[in-house]
Amino acid sequence: MSHRIKDLIKEKGYTQQEFADKLGMTRVGLSQLINGKPSYPTLEKIATALDVPMWQLFASPSEVQKEIDGGYKCPNCGHPLKIKVE
């Protein structure tokens, strides 16, 4: 998970220091937090600060889309379903 949060920080255009400042903590504190086991309220705070749904802290939309593309089929006809993740 920690690499996903780091990726999101970069994708949103923050440095780790800028994002730590946004959360009101030190860069070292942020690093320890995302490399440790953050609590649910902390994950909510990070997701809110990054303006993403919490699930994106664990997987990218493309990873989820790839999983969906590989497995969902119409129960009536058996054709693959196309599902778009936003």
N, C-alpha and C. Protein backbone atom coordinates (compact mmCIF):
# COMPACT_ATOMS: atom_id res chain seq x y z
N MET A 1 0.81 -1.19 0.00
CA MET A 1 0.00 0.00 0.00
C MET A 1 0.86 1.25 0.00
N SER A 2 1.98 1.25 0.71
CA SER A 2 2.77 2.48 0.84
C SER A 2 3.20 3.02 -0.52
N HIS A 3 3.57 2.12 -1.45
CA HIS A 3 3.99 2.62 -2.75
C HIS A 3 2.82 3.26 -3.49
N ARG A 4 1.60 2.77 -3.27
CA ARG A 4 0.42 3.34 -3.93
C ARG A 4 0.16 4.76 -3.41
N ILE A 5 0.28 4.95 -2.11
CA ILE A 5 0.09 6.29 -1.54
C ILE A 5 1.17 7.23 -2.07
N LYS A 6 2.40 6.76 -2.13
CA LYS A 6 3.49 7.59 -2.68
C LYS A 6 3.21 7.95 -4.13
N ASP A 7 2.71 6.99 -4.90
CA ASP A 7 2.36 7.26 -6.30
C ASP A 7 1.27 8.32 -6.41
N LEU A 8 0.26 8.22 -5.55
CA LEU A 8 -0.84 9.19 -5.57
C LEU A 8 -0.34 10.59 -5.19
N ILE A 9 0.55 10.66 -4.23
CA ILE A 9 1.11 11.95 -3.84
C ILE A 9 1.79 12.61 -5.04
N LYS A 10 2.57 11.82 -5.77
CA LYS A 10 3.24 12.33 -6.98
C LYS A 10 2.23 12.69 -8.07
N GLU A 11 1.24 11.81 -8.30
CA GLU A 11 0.22 12.05 -9.33
C GLU A 11 -0.54 13.34 -9.08
N LYS A 12 -0.75 13.67 -7.81
CA LYS A 12 -1.47 14.89 -7.45
C LYS A 12 -0.58 16.12 -7.46
N GLY A 13 0.71 15.92 -7.74
CA GLY A 13 1.64 17.05 -7.88
C GLY A 13 2.26 17.55 -6.59
N TYR A 14 2.20 16.75 -5.54
CA TYR A 14 2.81 17.14 -4.27
C TYR A 14 4.18 16.51 -4.13
N THR A 15 5.06 17.19 -3.43
CA THR A 15 6.25 16.52 -2.91
C THR A 15 5.82 15.89 -1.60
N GLN A 16 6.63 14.99 -1.06
CA GLN A 16 6.27 14.40 0.22
C GLN A 16 6.22 15.48 1.31
N GLN A 17 7.10 16.46 1.22
CA GLN A 17 7.10 17.55 2.21
C GLN A 17 5.82 18.37 2.11
N GLU A 18 5.41 18.71 0.89
CA GLU A 18 4.18 19.49 0.71
C GLU A 18 2.96 18.73 1.23
N PHE A 19 2.93 17.43 0.96
CA PHE A 19 1.79 16.65 1.41
C PHE A 19 1.80 16.50 2.93
N ALA A 20 2.97 16.32 3.50
CA ALA A 20 3.08 16.26 4.97
C ALA A 20 2.58 17.57 5.58
N ASP A 21 2.97 18.69 4.98
CA ASP A 21 2.50 20.00 5.46
C ASP A 21 0.98 20.08 5.39
N LYS A 22 0.41 19.58 4.30
CA LYS A 22 -1.05 19.60 4.12
C LYS A 22 -1.75 18.81 5.23
N LEU A 23 -1.11 17.72 5.67
CA LEU A 23 -1.67 16.89 6.73
C LEU A 23 -1.30 17.40 8.13
N GLY A 24 -0.43 18.43 8.18
CA GLY A 24 -0.02 18.97 9.47
C GLY A 24 0.97 18.10 10.21
N MET A 25 1.87 17.46 9.46
CA MET A 25 2.88 16.61 10.09
C MET A 25 4.23 16.80 9.40
N THR A 26 5.25 16.20 9.96
CA THR A 26 6.58 16.28 9.35
C THR A 26 6.68 15.28 8.21
N ARG A 27 7.67 15.49 7.34
CA ARG A 27 7.91 14.55 6.25
C ARG A 27 8.29 13.18 6.80
N VAL A 28 9.12 13.18 7.86
CA VAL A 28 9.52 11.91 8.48
C VAL A 28 8.29 11.21 9.07
N GLY A 29 7.41 11.98 9.71
CA GLY A 29 6.18 11.40 10.26
C GLY A 29 5.30 10.80 9.18
N LEU A 30 5.20 11.50 8.05
CA LEU A 30 4.42 10.98 6.92
C LEU A 30 5.03 9.69 6.41
N SER A 31 6.33 9.68 6.26
CA SER A 31 7.02 8.49 5.77
C SER A 31 6.79 7.30 6.71
N GLN A 32 6.92 7.54 8.00
CA GLN A 32 6.69 6.47 8.97
C GLN A 32 5.24 5.99 8.91
N LEU A 33 4.34 6.92 8.72
CA LEU A 33 2.92 6.59 8.67
C LEU A 33 2.60 5.70 7.47
N ILE A 34 3.03 6.11 6.28
CA ILE A 34 2.66 5.34 5.09
C ILE A 34 3.47 4.05 4.94
N ASN A 35 4.61 3.97 5.63
CA ASN A 35 5.37 2.72 5.59
C ASN A 35 4.99 1.78 6.73
N GLY A 36 4.16 2.27 7.65
CA GLY A 36 3.69 1.46 8.76
C GLY A 36 2.32 0.91 8.46
N LYS A 37 1.50 0.88 9.48
CA LYS A 37 0.13 0.38 9.35
C LYS A 37 -0.81 1.47 9.82
N PRO A 38 -1.17 2.38 8.90
CA PRO A 38 -2.04 3.49 9.31
C PRO A 38 -3.44 3.00 9.69
N SER A 39 -4.04 3.71 10.63
CA SER A 39 -5.39 3.36 11.08
C SER A 39 -6.40 3.77 10.01
N TYR A 40 -7.62 3.26 10.17
CA TYR A 40 -8.70 3.60 9.24
C TYR A 40 -8.94 5.11 9.20
N PRO A 41 -9.04 5.80 10.35
CA PRO A 41 -9.24 7.26 10.29
C PRO A 41 -8.09 7.98 9.58
N THR A 42 -6.88 7.48 9.75
CA THR A 42 -5.74 8.09 9.07
C THR A 42 -5.83 7.88 7.57
N LEU A 43 -6.24 6.68 7.15
CA LEU A 43 -6.42 6.41 5.72
C LEU A 43 -7.51 7.32 5.14
N GLU A 44 -8.58 7.53 5.91
CA GLU A 44 -9.63 8.45 5.46
C GLU A 44 -9.08 9.86 5.28
N LYS A 45 -8.25 10.29 6.21
CA LYS A 45 -7.66 11.63 6.14
C LYS A 45 -6.76 11.76 4.91
N ILE A 46 -5.96 10.73 4.64
CA ILE A 46 -5.07 10.74 3.48
C ILE A 46 -5.89 10.76 2.19
N ALA A 47 -6.91 9.91 2.10
CA ALA A 47 -7.76 9.86 0.90
C ALA A 47 -8.44 11.20 0.67
N THR A 48 -8.94 11.80 1.72
CA THR A 48 -9.60 13.11 1.61
C THR A 48 -8.61 14.17 1.14
N ALA A 49 -7.42 14.17 1.72
CA ALA A 49 -6.40 15.16 1.34
C ALA A 49 -5.97 14.99 -0.12
N LEU A 50 -5.98 13.74 -0.60
CA LEU A 50 -5.60 13.46 -1.99
C LEU A 50 -6.79 13.57 -2.94
N ASP A 51 -7.99 13.73 -2.39
CA ASP A 51 -9.23 13.84 -3.16
C ASP A 51 -9.45 12.60 -4.03
N VAL A 52 -9.31 11.43 -3.39
CA VAL A 52 -9.55 10.15 -4.07
C VAL A 52 -10.41 9.28 -3.15
N PRO A 53 -11.17 8.32 -3.73
CA PRO A 53 -11.86 7.37 -2.87
C PRO A 53 -10.83 6.49 -2.16
N MET A 54 -11.16 6.03 -0.98
CA MET A 54 -10.18 5.28 -0.18
C MET A 54 -9.63 4.06 -0.91
N TRP A 55 -10.43 3.39 -1.75
CA TRP A 55 -9.93 2.19 -2.42
C TRP A 55 -8.72 2.48 -3.29
N GLN A 56 -8.58 3.74 -3.76
CA GLN A 56 -7.43 4.07 -4.60
C GLN A 56 -6.12 4.12 -3.81
N LEU A 57 -6.19 4.09 -2.50
CA LEU A 57 -4.96 3.99 -1.70
C LEU A 57 -4.36 2.59 -1.81
N PHE A 58 -5.16 1.64 -2.27
CA PHE A 58 -4.74 0.24 -2.33
C PHE A 58 -4.52 -0.27 -3.75
N ALA A 59 -5.23 0.30 -4.72
CA ALA A 59 -5.12 -0.15 -6.11
C ALA A 59 -5.44 1.01 -7.04
N SER A 60 -4.77 1.02 -8.17
CA SER A 60 -5.05 2.06 -9.16
C SER A 60 -6.30 1.70 -9.95
N PRO A 61 -6.95 2.68 -10.56
CA PRO A 61 -8.11 2.37 -11.40
C PRO A 61 -7.78 1.37 -12.50
N SER A 62 -6.57 1.46 -13.08
CA SER A 62 -6.21 0.52 -14.15
C SER A 62 -6.06 -0.90 -13.63
N GLU A 63 -5.55 -1.06 -12.39
CA GLU A 63 -5.45 -2.40 -11.80
C GLU A 63 -6.83 -3.00 -11.57
N VAL A 64 -7.74 -2.17 -11.09
CA VAL A 64 -9.11 -2.64 -10.84
C VAL A 64 -9.79 -2.97 -12.17
N GLN A 65 -9.60 -2.11 -13.17
CA GLN A 65 -10.21 -2.35 -14.48
C GLN A 65 -9.70 -3.65 -15.08
N LYS A 66 -8.41 -3.91 -14.95
CA LYS A 66 -7.83 -5.15 -15.48
C LYS A 66 -8.47 -6.37 -14.82
N GLU A 67 -8.69 -6.29 -13.52
CA GLU A 67 -9.32 -7.38 -12.79
C GLU A 67 -10.76 -7.58 -13.26
N ILE A 68 -11.47 -6.48 -13.44
CA ILE A 68 -12.86 -6.55 -13.89
C ILE A 68 -12.94 -7.12 -15.30
N ASP A 69 -12.06 -6.65 -16.19
CA ASP A 69 -12.08 -7.09 -17.59
C ASP A 69 -11.85 -8.59 -17.71
N GLY A 70 -11.17 -9.17 -16.74
CA GLY A 70 -10.85 -10.58 -16.84
C GLY A 70 -11.90 -11.52 -16.32
N GLY A 71 -13.00 -11.02 -15.75
CA GLY A 71 -13.83 -12.00 -15.11
C GLY A 71 -15.33 -11.86 -15.12
N TYR A 72 -15.90 -10.76 -15.50
CA TYR A 72 -17.35 -10.62 -15.40
C TYR A 72 -18.02 -10.92 -16.74
N LYS A 73 -18.99 -11.84 -16.67
CA LYS A 73 -19.72 -12.23 -17.88
C LYS A 73 -21.21 -12.16 -17.61
N CYS A 74 -21.97 -11.93 -18.66
CA CYS A 74 -23.42 -11.90 -18.56
C CYS A 74 -23.91 -13.28 -18.11
N PRO A 75 -24.74 -13.32 -17.07
CA PRO A 75 -25.23 -14.62 -16.60
C PRO A 75 -26.21 -15.28 -17.58
N ASN A 76 -26.77 -14.51 -18.50
CA ASN A 76 -27.73 -15.07 -19.45
C ASN A 76 -27.07 -15.59 -20.71
N CYS A 77 -26.17 -14.77 -21.31
CA CYS A 77 -25.61 -15.17 -22.60
C CYS A 77 -24.13 -15.57 -22.52
N GLY A 78 -23.46 -15.22 -21.42
CA GLY A 78 -22.06 -15.60 -21.27
C GLY A 78 -21.06 -14.65 -21.90
N HIS A 79 -21.53 -13.58 -22.56
CA HIS A 79 -20.60 -12.60 -23.15
C HIS A 79 -19.93 -11.78 -22.07
N PRO A 80 -18.67 -11.43 -22.28
CA PRO A 80 -17.96 -10.59 -21.30
C PRO A 80 -18.66 -9.24 -21.16
N LEU A 81 -18.71 -8.73 -19.94
CA LEU A 81 -19.29 -7.42 -19.67
C LEU A 81 -18.19 -6.37 -19.66
N LYS A 82 -18.46 -5.20 -20.19
CA LYS A 82 -17.52 -4.11 -20.13
C LYS A 82 -17.94 -3.18 -19.01
N ILE A 83 -17.07 -3.04 -18.02
CA ILE A 83 -17.35 -2.20 -16.86
C ILE A 83 -16.25 -1.16 -16.78
N LYS A 84 -16.63 0.09 -16.62
CA LYS A 84 -15.64 1.16 -16.54
C LYS A 84 -15.52 1.62 -15.09
N VAL A 85 -14.29 1.68 -14.59
CA VAL A 85 -14.03 2.13 -13.24
C VAL A 85 -13.62 3.60 -13.31
N GLU A 86 -14.29 4.41 -12.52
CA GLU A 86 -13.97 5.85 -12.49
C GLU A 86 -13.38 6.22 -11.16
